[in-house]
Amino acid sequence: MKNVFDTLSERGYIEQSTHEEEIRELLGKESITFYVGFDPTGDSLHVGHFVQLMVMAHMQKAGHRPIALIGGGTAMVGDPSGRTDMRQMLTPEQIKKNGDAFKDQFSRLVDFSSEDKAIMVNNADWLMDLTYIPFLRDVGVHFSVNRMLTAECFKSRMEKGLSFIEFNYMLMQSYDFLELYRRENCKLQLGGNDQWSNIISGVDLVRRVESAQVYGMTFSLLTTSEGKKMGKTQSGAIWLDANKTTPYEFYQYWRNVDDADVEKCLALLTFLPMEEVKRLGSLEGAEINKAKEVLAFEVTKLVHGEEEARKADQAAKSLFGHEANATDLPSTEISKDDFVEGLDIISLLQRASLVSSRGEARRLIQQGGVYVNDERVKDIDQNITLEDFSEDTLMIRKGKKVYHQIKLG
């Protein structure tokens, strides 16, 4: 059987590792327990987390045991990594609600049917009951402030100010690794590349306290060929929760990625064999659209199930066939009364969350980028009335590819 380290490397996941050759050897000779942490600072995971779920799935398929760690304790503090300001402080009730929402999303890719296969834990179980002075003496003594200040997660915050509570985050995450080593014989921590400083601190803490060798590995953040983070649109993040990003919107995001990003996304976000990934990624011209359809279908299938993926695929194709009332499209319901006297197009675009401001709406219309029922909007003062609706439905198109239904309520 192929070593999962080689699989992860070939598909482009691995960014950094503490002991590359030792990790590869370990993953090839025995089944190990590893963990990935997720702080429940929101009520859904987003596509940036999806890479981490894929790595967990690859590792589990190779016979290794994942621990999905929900950071109920660390979320009380907030990770300063990649931030220019302090995270909003959440209540314990908000954190618990968010953590519960993560569980279903984990289960779509990782098998938790028995403790031998995978487990889910919450670091609130050990962090919330710590007492301050013993923690400082037992854990804090092993950390050098000088060294911590050189960590990227702290350096980026020094100009605007780093709060003392955030300064503790590295100690808490490191302590997670120590606890999981003691409780579950966990030998490997995985995370996004922005977690490198925290991960190597955890490896060092386990070595100092338990005289044990554990390992850390980070994987690539999901970025475009230009180095920009993927998973963002004008209306916000691309979420794994269907109530926040519909399966159709999710499908369309991947269907519209740049040509240069198709092969990378196929490698990181699907289980297609690499031979097929390379074949699809090498397509050129109009043929690359076929690869994008495969990408969109495969990723949507993993996140929302095959039925929803097929619906999204059919809805997208029906639109390009000019069937205006295609089902499963994103839609906004607005009261019929709002259109009796007419609703101006700019307000309608805002109500449908297709623009972030009235200024953006004006620019979009002036550039010829807004269509109502396939007719280009030429006047920024155009009123939309009940006469524009067919069977209580109206279709707005923004640019070439963004479709949105308005339904009368």
Protein backbone atom coordinates (compact mmCIF):
# COMPACT_ATOMS: atom_id res chain seq x y z
CA MET A 1 0.00 0.00 0.00
CA LYS A 2 1.23 3.50 -0.85
CA ASN A 3 2.50 5.50 2.12
CA VAL A 4 -0.05 8.23 2.91
CA PHE A 5 2.80 10.73 3.31
CA ASP A 6 3.61 10.22 -0.37
CA THR A 7 -0.07 10.58 -1.25
CA LEU A 8 -0.35 13.86 0.63
CA SER A 9 2.90 15.10 -0.88
CA GLU A 10 1.92 14.16 -4.44
CA ARG A 11 -1.44 15.92 -4.12
CA GLY A 12 0.19 19.11 -2.83
CA TYR A 13 -1.03 19.15 0.77
CA ILE A 14 2.22 19.21 2.73
CA GLU A 15 3.82 22.57 3.46
CA GLN A 16 6.10 22.03 6.49
CA SER A 17 6.97 19.19 8.85
CA THR A 18 9.06 18.91 11.98
CA HIS A 19 10.83 15.67 11.01
CA GLU A 20 9.99 14.78 7.41
CA GLU A 21 11.80 11.43 7.12
CA GLU A 22 10.73 10.26 10.57
CA ILE A 23 7.09 11.17 9.91
CA ARG A 24 7.14 9.33 6.57
CA GLU A 25 8.65 6.26 8.21
CA LEU A 26 6.15 6.38 11.09
CA LEU A 27 3.13 6.67 8.77
CA GLY A 28 4.39 3.75 6.71
CA LYS A 29 5.02 1.22 9.46
CA GLU A 30 2.19 1.60 12.00
CA SER A 31 -1.26 3.01 12.60
CA ILE A 32 -0.96 6.22 14.57
CA THR A 33 -3.36 8.66 16.23
CA PHE A 34 -3.21 12.26 15.02
CA TYR A 35 -5.25 15.36 15.64
CA VAL A 36 -6.49 18.52 13.95
CA GLY A 37 -8.01 21.37 15.95
CA PHE A 38 -10.96 23.56 14.97
CA ASP A 39 -11.93 26.56 17.08
CA PRO A 40 -15.73 27.05 16.91
CA THR A 41 -15.60 30.82 16.39
CA GLY A 42 -18.38 30.60 13.76
CA ASP A 43 -21.47 28.45 13.30
CA SER A 44 -20.10 26.62 10.26
CA LEU A 45 -16.83 25.45 8.77
CA HIS A 46 -15.81 27.12 5.50
CA VAL A 47 -13.87 25.95 2.45
CA GLY A 48 -10.57 26.82 4.10
CA HIS A 49 -11.30 24.11 6.69
CA PHE A 50 -12.24 21.67 3.94
CA VAL A 51 -8.58 21.04 3.08
CA GLN A 52 -8.05 19.91 6.67
CA LEU A 53 -11.04 17.55 6.47
CA MET A 54 -9.65 16.08 3.26
CA VAL A 55 -6.28 15.40 4.92
CA MET A 56 -8.07 13.70 7.82
CA ALA A 57 -9.99 11.54 5.34
CA HIS A 58 -6.83 10.56 3.42
CA MET A 59 -5.10 9.67 6.70
CA GLN A 60 -8.05 7.59 7.91
CA LYS A 61 -8.30 5.73 4.59
CA ALA A 62 -4.63 4.79 5.09
CA GLY A 63 -5.42 3.23 8.48
CA HIS A 64 -4.60 6.10 10.83
CA ARG A 65 -6.91 7.35 13.60
CA PRO A 66 -8.09 10.97 13.54
CA ILE A 67 -8.99 13.08 16.53
CA ALA A 68 -11.19 16.04 15.60
CA LEU A 69 -10.55 18.54 18.37
CA ILE A 70 -13.21 21.19 18.90
CA GLY A 71 -11.58 24.14 20.63
CA GLY A 72 -14.28 24.97 23.13
CA GLY A 73 -11.60 26.16 25.53
CA THR A 74 -9.21 27.88 23.11
CA ALA A 75 -12.13 29.70 21.45
CA MET A 76 -12.69 31.46 24.78
CA VAL A 77 -9.32 33.16 24.20
CA GLY A 78 -9.10 33.47 20.40
CA ASP A 79 -6.24 32.57 18.09
CA PRO A 80 -4.20 35.64 17.03
CA SER A 81 -2.76 33.77 14.00
CA GLY A 82 -3.45 35.58 10.74
CA ARG A 83 -5.32 38.37 12.51
CA THR A 84 -4.70 42.12 12.48
CA ASP A 85 -7.10 42.66 15.37
CA MET A 86 -8.43 40.76 18.36
CA ARG A 87 -11.18 38.23 17.73
CA GLN A 88 -14.66 38.93 19.06
CA MET A 89 -15.12 37.36 22.48
CA LEU A 90 -17.81 34.67 22.40
CA THR A 91 -19.98 33.40 25.25
CA PRO A 92 -19.73 29.73 26.35
CA GLU A 93 -23.25 29.22 24.95
CA GLN A 94 -22.26 30.54 21.51
CA ILE A 95 -19.13 28.38 21.48
CA LYS A 96 -21.08 25.23 22.38
CA LYS A 97 -23.70 25.92 19.68
CA ASN A 98 -20.99 26.46 17.07
CA GLY A 99 -19.12 23.31 18.11
CA ASP A 100 -22.29 21.21 17.80
CA ALA A 101 -22.76 22.55 14.24
CA PHE A 102 -19.25 21.36 13.30
CA LYS A 103 -19.93 17.74 14.22
CA ASP A 104 -22.20 16.96 11.28
CA GLN A 105 -19.78 18.60 8.86
CA PHE A 106 -16.87 16.49 10.15
CA SER A 107 -18.90 13.32 9.71
CA ARG A 108 -19.36 13.83 5.97
CA LEU A 109 -15.71 12.96 5.40
CA VAL A 110 -14.51 11.21 8.56
CA ASP A 111 -15.96 7.96 9.94
CA PHE A 112 -16.75 8.28 13.66
CA SER A 113 -18.70 5.01 13.87
CA SER A 114 -16.32 3.61 16.51
CA GLU A 115 -13.54 4.94 18.75
CA ASP A 116 -11.07 2.75 16.92
CA LYS A 117 -11.74 4.70 13.72
CA ALA A 118 -11.95 8.29 14.94
CA ILE A 119 -12.97 10.35 17.95
CA MET A 120 -14.16 13.87 18.57
CA VAL A 121 -13.05 15.72 21.70
CA ASN A 122 -13.46 19.20 23.15
CA ASN A 123 -10.50 20.89 24.82
CA ALA A 124 -12.90 22.67 27.16
CA ASP A 125 -12.93 19.35 29.03
CA TRP A 126 -9.39 19.97 30.31
CA LEU A 127 -8.70 23.67 29.73
CA MET A 128 -11.71 25.10 31.57
CA ASP A 129 -10.79 23.39 34.85
CA LEU A 130 -7.13 24.42 34.92
CA THR A 131 -5.96 26.50 37.87
CA TYR A 132 -3.76 29.44 36.99
CA ILE A 133 -0.73 29.13 39.28
CA PRO A 134 -0.23 25.35 38.78
CA PHE A 135 -0.60 25.85 35.00
CA LEU A 136 2.08 28.56 35.01
CA ARG A 137 4.42 26.39 37.05
CA ASP A 138 3.85 23.16 35.11
CA VAL A 139 3.46 24.50 31.57
CA GLY A 140 4.43 28.18 31.41
CA VAL A 141 7.90 27.45 32.76
CA HIS A 142 8.79 25.69 29.49
CA PHE A 143 8.07 28.72 27.27
CA SER A 144 10.54 31.47 26.40
CA VAL A 145 8.90 34.86 25.93
CA ASN A 146 11.77 35.93 23.67
CA ARG A 147 11.18 32.95 21.41
CA MET A 148 7.40 33.40 21.43
CA LEU A 149 7.74 36.99 20.24
CA THR A 150 9.57 35.79 17.13
CA ALA A 151 6.59 33.63 16.12
CA GLU A 152 4.78 34.93 13.04
CA CYS A 153 1.38 34.78 14.77
CA PHE A 154 2.59 37.32 17.35
CA LYS A 155 4.94 39.42 15.20
CA SER A 156 2.11 40.45 12.90
CA ARG A 157 0.18 41.82 15.86
CA MET A 158 2.88 43.79 17.63
CA GLU A 159 2.24 47.08 15.80
CA LYS A 160 -1.48 47.23 16.59
CA GLY A 161 -1.13 45.62 19.99
CA LEU A 162 -1.23 42.07 21.28
CA SER A 163 -3.45 41.45 24.29
CA PHE A 164 -2.19 39.33 27.17
CA ILE A 165 -5.11 36.93 26.80
CA GLU A 166 -4.08 36.17 23.19
CA PHE A 167 -0.47 35.69 24.28
CA ASN A 168 -1.69 32.66 26.24
CA TYR A 169 -3.13 30.97 23.17
CA MET A 170 0.12 29.25 22.19
CA LEU A 171 0.43 27.74 25.68
CA MET A 172 -3.12 26.43 25.54
CA GLN A 173 -2.78 24.83 22.11
CA SER A 174 0.54 23.29 23.11
CA TYR A 175 -1.11 21.91 26.22
CA ASP A 176 -3.77 20.29 24.00
CA PHE A 177 -1.06 18.21 22.33
CA LEU A 178 0.32 17.21 25.74
CA GLU A 179 -3.13 16.13 26.94
CA LEU A 180 -3.89 14.18 23.77
CA TYR A 181 -0.52 12.45 23.96
CA ARG A 182 -1.28 11.41 27.54
CA ARG A 183 -4.92 10.44 26.93
CA GLU A 184 -4.82 8.94 23.43
CA ASN A 185 -1.12 8.36 22.62
CA CYS A 186 -1.51 11.02 19.93
CA LYS A 187 1.80 11.43 18.11
CA LEU A 188 1.08 13.90 15.32
CA GLN A 189 -0.60 17.29 15.08
CA LEU A 190 -1.77 18.57 11.70
CA GLY A 191 -2.97 22.05 10.81
CA GLY A 192 -2.96 24.87 8.32
CA ASN A 193 0.34 26.56 7.62
CA ASP A 194 -0.69 29.54 9.75
CA GLN A 195 -0.52 27.19 12.77
CA TRP A 196 3.16 26.30 12.38
CA SER A 197 4.38 28.29 15.41
CA ASN A 198 1.72 26.77 17.66
CA ILE A 199 2.39 23.25 16.40
CA ILE A 200 6.15 23.29 16.93
CA SER A 201 5.56 24.71 20.43
CA GLY A 202 3.33 21.73 21.21
CA VAL A 203 5.92 19.28 19.90
CA ASP A 204 8.52 20.96 22.10
CA LEU A 205 6.29 20.90 25.19
CA VAL A 206 5.61 17.15 24.90
CA ARG A 207 9.34 16.54 24.51
CA ARG A 208 10.19 18.63 27.59
CA VAL A 209 7.44 17.29 29.88
CA GLU A 210 7.17 13.65 28.78
CA SER A 211 10.59 13.11 27.15
CA ALA A 212 8.65 11.79 24.16
CA GLN A 213 9.07 12.37 20.43
CA VAL A 214 5.94 13.64 18.72
CA TYR A 215 5.59 15.37 15.38
CA GLY A 216 3.91 18.23 13.58
CA MET A 217 2.98 18.87 9.99
CA THR A 218 1.22 21.71 8.23
CA PHE A 219 -0.54 21.77 4.91
CA SER A 220 -1.06 24.41 2.29
CA LEU A 221 -3.69 27.07 2.74
CA LEU A 222 -6.21 27.12 -0.10
CA THR A 223 -4.97 29.90 -2.37
CA THR A 224 -5.23 30.85 -6.02
CA SER A 225 -2.31 30.76 -8.44
CA GLU A 226 -1.87 34.46 -7.58
CA GLY A 227 -1.49 33.68 -3.87
CA LYS A 228 -4.90 35.00 -2.78
CA LYS A 229 -7.03 33.03 -0.34
CA MET A 230 -9.83 31.08 -1.99
CA GLY A 231 -13.30 30.72 -0.56
CA LYS A 232 -14.35 34.37 -0.59
CA THR A 233 -16.97 36.09 -2.74
CA GLN A 234 -18.41 39.60 -2.71
CA SER A 235 -21.22 38.37 -0.47
CA GLY A 236 -18.84 36.67 1.99
CA ALA A 237 -17.25 33.32 2.75
CA ILE A 238 -18.12 30.02 1.06
CA TRP A 239 -19.53 27.92 3.91
CA LEU A 240 -20.06 24.17 4.23
CA ASP A 241 -23.50 24.77 5.77
CA ALA A 242 -26.20 24.65 3.09
CA ASN A 243 -28.22 27.27 4.99
CA LYS A 244 -25.36 29.77 4.67
CA THR A 245 -24.13 28.87 1.17
CA THR A 246 -26.64 26.94 -0.92
CA PRO A 247 -25.45 23.83 -2.79
CA TYR A 248 -26.02 25.71 -6.05
CA GLU A 249 -23.90 28.69 -4.93
CA PHE A 250 -21.26 26.25 -3.66
CA TYR A 251 -21.25 24.41 -7.01
CA GLN A 252 -21.03 27.65 -8.98
CA TYR A 253 -18.05 28.87 -6.97
CA TRP A 254 -15.97 25.87 -8.07
CA ARG A 255 -17.43 25.92 -11.59
CA ASN A 256 -16.07 29.46 -11.98
CA VAL A 257 -12.53 29.11 -10.60
CA ASP A 258 -9.70 30.40 -12.79
CA ASP A 259 -8.30 27.96 -15.35
CA ALA A 260 -4.90 28.04 -13.61
CA ASP A 261 -6.42 26.79 -10.32
CA VAL A 262 -8.36 23.79 -11.64
CA GLU A 263 -5.67 21.13 -11.26
CA LYS A 264 -4.70 22.28 -7.76
CA CYS A 265 -8.32 22.25 -6.60
CA LEU A 266 -8.93 18.81 -8.10
CA ALA A 267 -5.87 17.47 -6.26
CA LEU A 268 -6.69 19.02 -2.89
CA LEU A 269 -10.49 18.86 -2.82
CA THR A 270 -11.43 15.57 -4.52
CA PHE A 271 -10.44 11.92 -4.28
CA LEU A 272 -9.99 11.56 -8.04
CA PRO A 273 -6.82 9.61 -8.93
CA MET A 274 -3.89 11.87 -9.72
CA GLU A 275 -3.73 10.52 -13.28
CA GLU A 276 -7.25 11.87 -13.84
CA VAL A 277 -6.44 15.12 -12.01
CA LYS A 278 -3.48 15.74 -14.30
CA ARG A 279 -5.49 14.83 -17.41
CA LEU A 280 -8.30 17.22 -16.51
CA GLY A 281 -5.86 19.93 -15.47
CA SER A 282 -4.08 19.76 -18.81
CA LEU A 283 -7.21 20.55 -20.84
CA GLU A 284 -7.11 23.86 -22.65
CA GLY A 285 -9.48 26.39 -24.18
CA ALA A 286 -13.17 25.56 -23.94
CA GLU A 287 -12.29 21.99 -22.87
CA ILE A 288 -11.16 23.23 -19.42
CA ASN A 289 -14.83 23.93 -18.66
CA LYS A 290 -15.41 20.18 -18.59
CA ALA A 291 -12.75 19.90 -15.89
CA LYS A 292 -14.43 22.70 -13.93
CA GLU A 293 -17.75 20.87 -14.09
CA VAL A 294 -16.08 17.72 -12.73
CA LEU A 295 -14.46 19.76 -9.96
CA ALA A 296 -17.70 21.48 -8.99
CA PHE A 297 -19.66 18.22 -8.98
CA GLU A 298 -17.07 16.24 -6.99
CA VAL A 299 -16.57 18.89 -4.30
CA THR A 300 -20.30 19.55 -3.96
CA LYS A 301 -20.92 15.81 -3.70
CA LEU A 302 -18.46 15.48 -0.81
CA VAL A 303 -19.93 18.43 1.09
CA HIS A 304 -23.66 18.20 0.30
CA GLY A 305 -24.20 14.69 -1.06
CA GLU A 306 -24.61 13.32 -4.58
CA GLU A 307 -28.29 14.27 -4.92
CA GLU A 308 -27.64 17.95 -4.17
CA ALA A 309 -24.62 17.91 -6.47
CA ARG A 310 -26.77 16.60 -9.33
CA LYS A 311 -29.45 19.22 -8.66
CA ALA A 312 -26.86 22.00 -8.71
CA ASP A 313 -25.31 20.63 -11.91
CA GLN A 314 -28.71 20.43 -13.62
CA ALA A 315 -29.68 23.92 -12.43
CA ALA A 316 -26.47 25.39 -13.82
CA LYS A 317 -26.91 23.67 -17.17
CA SER A 318 -30.59 24.66 -17.44
CA LEU A 319 -29.62 28.30 -16.96
CA PHE A 320 -27.19 28.16 -19.83
CA GLY A 321 -30.05 26.63 -21.79
CA HIS A 322 -32.07 29.80 -20.94
CA GLU A 323 -34.69 28.10 -18.79
CA ALA A 324 -35.37 31.05 -16.51
CA ASN A 325 -37.28 29.15 -13.85
CA ALA A 326 -34.57 26.60 -13.08
CA THR A 327 -34.97 25.11 -9.62
CA ASP A 328 -32.40 25.00 -6.83
CA LEU A 329 -31.03 28.47 -7.61
CA PRO A 330 -30.28 31.00 -4.88
CA SER A 331 -33.38 33.11 -4.36
CA THR A 332 -34.81 35.93 -2.27
CA GLU A 333 -38.47 36.23 -1.37
CA ILE A 334 -39.88 39.77 -1.33
CA SER A 335 -43.43 40.84 -0.56
CA LYS A 336 -45.68 41.45 -3.56
CA ASP A 337 -46.70 44.76 -2.03
CA ASP A 338 -43.15 46.12 -2.49
CA PHE A 339 -43.58 45.99 -6.27
CA VAL A 340 -47.03 47.55 -6.56
CA GLU A 341 -45.54 51.03 -6.96
CA GLY A 342 -42.24 49.62 -8.19
CA LEU A 343 -38.90 48.91 -6.48
CA ASP A 344 -35.77 50.56 -7.87
CA ILE A 345 -33.15 48.20 -9.26
CA ILE A 346 -30.42 49.34 -6.87
CA SER A 347 -32.55 48.55 -3.82
CA LEU A 348 -33.48 45.21 -5.37
CA LEU A 349 -29.82 44.27 -5.86
CA GLN A 350 -29.17 45.14 -2.22
CA ARG A 351 -32.17 43.16 -0.98
CA ALA A 352 -30.85 40.14 -2.90
CA SER A 353 -27.35 40.59 -1.38
CA LEU A 354 -25.86 40.82 -4.87
CA VAL A 355 -23.98 44.02 -4.03
CA SER A 356 -22.41 45.34 -0.86
CA SER A 357 -23.36 49.00 -1.40
CA ARG A 358 -25.45 51.32 -3.56
CA GLY A 359 -22.25 52.65 -5.08
CA GLU A 360 -21.24 49.16 -6.22
CA ALA A 361 -24.71 48.68 -7.72
CA ARG A 362 -24.47 51.94 -9.71
CA ARG A 363 -21.03 51.02 -11.08
CA LEU A 364 -22.23 47.54 -12.03
CA ILE A 365 -25.25 48.91 -13.92
CA GLN A 366 -23.20 51.62 -15.66
CA GLN A 367 -20.73 48.96 -16.81
CA GLY A 368 -23.58 46.90 -18.30
CA GLY A 369 -23.27 44.08 -15.79
CA VAL A 370 -26.88 43.72 -14.60
CA TYR A 371 -29.66 41.90 -16.44
CA VAL A 372 -33.32 41.42 -15.52
CA ASN A 373 -34.95 38.51 -17.35
CA ASP A 374 -32.06 38.53 -19.86
CA GLU A 375 -32.56 42.26 -20.61
CA ARG A 376 -29.61 44.52 -19.77
CA VAL A 377 -30.43 47.24 -17.24
CA LYS A 378 -29.39 50.58 -18.76
CA ASP A 379 -30.86 53.03 -16.25
CA ILE A 380 -29.71 53.18 -12.61
CA ASP A 381 -33.20 54.51 -11.74
CA GLN A 382 -35.08 51.64 -13.42
CA ASN A 383 -38.11 50.48 -11.45
CA ILE A 384 -39.05 46.83 -11.19
CA THR A 385 -42.81 46.24 -11.06
CA LEU A 386 -45.18 43.29 -10.94
CA GLU A 387 -45.30 43.35 -14.74
CA ASP A 388 -41.67 42.18 -14.81
CA PHE A 389 -42.58 38.92 -13.06
CA SER A 390 -43.63 35.68 -14.72
CA GLU A 391 -45.38 33.16 -12.50
CA ASP A 392 -44.31 35.24 -9.48
CA THR A 393 -40.64 34.86 -10.39
CA LEU A 394 -38.03 37.20 -11.83
CA MET A 395 -34.43 36.40 -12.76
CA ILE A 396 -31.50 38.72 -12.12
CA ARG A 397 -28.11 38.07 -13.69
CA LYS A 398 -24.95 39.80 -12.45
CA GLY A 399 -22.12 39.59 -14.94
CA LYS A 400 -21.94 36.41 -17.00
CA LYS A 401 -22.36 33.75 -14.35
CA VAL A 402 -24.19 34.93 -11.21
CA TYR A 403 -27.93 34.19 -11.31
CA HIS A 404 -30.45 34.99 -8.60
CA GLN A 405 -34.23 34.52 -8.47
CA ILE A 406 -36.61 36.99 -6.92
CA LYS A 407 -39.82 35.32 -5.76
CA LEU A 408 -42.98 37.11 -4.72
CA GLY A 409 -44.12 36.38 -1.18
